[in-house]
Amino acid sequence: MTTTSISTSEIYKQDVTELAALIAGGELTPSDVTEAFIQRSEAVEGRVKAFTTIDFDSARAQAEEIGRA
C-alpha cells in the first residue's frame, strides 16, 4: 500500500471524489483502493450477502491495469 494518512480500514469510508483526489495526488493507487474494498467485503459479506458473484482476482487485475495507465 502507498504511504498515506488514510489507513486501509478507512479507505472504504471515503467518497469517490476524495478517493479520486488521493489517487490523482499519488497518495493512493487504484490497487490500494481495490484491496481496501476487498478486505471490507471479506469482513462483512458473510453477514450482508450483498453480492451474487465475487471475482477479486479480476478486480485486482483491473486495478493494476488502471494503475499502469
Protein backbone atom coordinates (compact mmCIF):
# COMPACT_ATOMS: atom_id res chain seq x y z
CA MET A 1 0.00 0.00 0.00
CA THR A 2 1.14 3.51 -0.75
CA THR A 3 2.14 5.64 2.24
CA THR A 4 -0.82 7.82 3.19
CA SER A 5 -2.53 9.27 6.22
CA ILE A 6 -5.58 7.10 5.48
CA SER A 7 -5.49 3.56 6.81
CA THR A 8 -6.74 0.65 4.78
CA SER A 9 -9.69 0.33 7.14
CA GLU A 10 -10.66 3.97 6.46
CA ILE A 11 -10.40 3.96 2.65
CA TYR A 12 -13.83 2.42 2.11
CA LYS A 13 -15.40 5.24 4.17
CA GLN A 14 -14.21 7.93 1.73
CA ASP A 15 -16.45 9.15 -1.05
CA VAL A 16 -15.44 8.68 -4.67
CA THR A 17 -14.37 12.33 -5.03
CA GLU A 18 -11.97 12.02 -2.11
CA LEU A 19 -10.60 8.73 -3.40
CA ALA A 20 -10.08 10.19 -6.88
CA ALA A 21 -8.18 13.14 -5.39
CA LEU A 22 -5.99 10.83 -3.31
CA ILE A 23 -5.21 8.70 -6.36
CA ALA A 24 -4.53 11.76 -8.53
CA GLY A 25 -2.26 13.15 -5.81
CA GLY A 26 -0.30 9.91 -5.63
CA GLU A 27 -1.34 9.19 -2.05
CA LEU A 28 -3.20 6.03 -3.08
CA THR A 29 -3.16 3.73 -6.08
CA PRO A 30 -6.16 2.04 -7.67
CA SER A 31 -4.80 -1.19 -6.19
CA ASP A 32 -4.79 0.32 -2.68
CA VAL A 33 -8.45 1.22 -3.03
CA THR A 34 -9.37 -2.14 -4.52
CA GLU A 35 -7.61 -4.05 -1.74
CA ALA A 36 -9.35 -1.95 0.92
CA PHE A 37 -12.75 -2.71 -0.59
CA ILE A 38 -11.88 -6.39 -0.95
CA GLN A 39 -10.87 -6.53 2.71
CA ARG A 40 -14.10 -4.83 3.73
CA SER A 41 -16.15 -7.16 1.57
CA GLU A 42 -14.45 -10.20 3.08
CA ALA A 43 -15.17 -8.84 6.55
CA VAL A 44 -18.90 -8.24 6.07
CA GLU A 45 -20.12 -10.31 3.11
CA GLY A 46 -20.96 -13.31 5.25
CA ARG A 47 -23.50 -11.17 7.13
CA VAL A 48 -24.85 -8.89 4.41
CA LYS A 49 -24.78 -11.22 1.40
CA ALA A 50 -24.75 -8.26 -1.00
CA PHE A 51 -23.06 -10.00 -3.94
CA THR A 52 -24.13 -12.95 -6.04
CA THR A 53 -20.73 -13.20 -7.73
CA ILE A 54 -17.36 -12.12 -6.35
CA ASP A 55 -14.29 -12.02 -8.59
CA PHE A 56 -11.47 -10.50 -6.56
CA ASP A 57 -8.80 -11.68 -9.00
CA SER A 58 -10.42 -9.77 -11.84
CA ALA A 59 -10.85 -6.68 -9.66
CA ARG A 60 -7.17 -6.79 -8.71
CA ALA A 61 -6.09 -7.22 -12.34
CA GLN A 62 -8.23 -4.31 -13.48
CA ALA A 63 -6.88 -2.08 -10.69
CA GLU A 64 -3.31 -2.93 -11.67
CA GLU A 65 -4.06 -2.15 -15.29
CA ILE A 66 -5.61 1.20 -14.39
CA GLY A 67 -2.63 1.97 -12.16
CA ARG A 68 -0.26 1.42 -15.09
CA ALA A 69 -2.22 3.75 -17.39
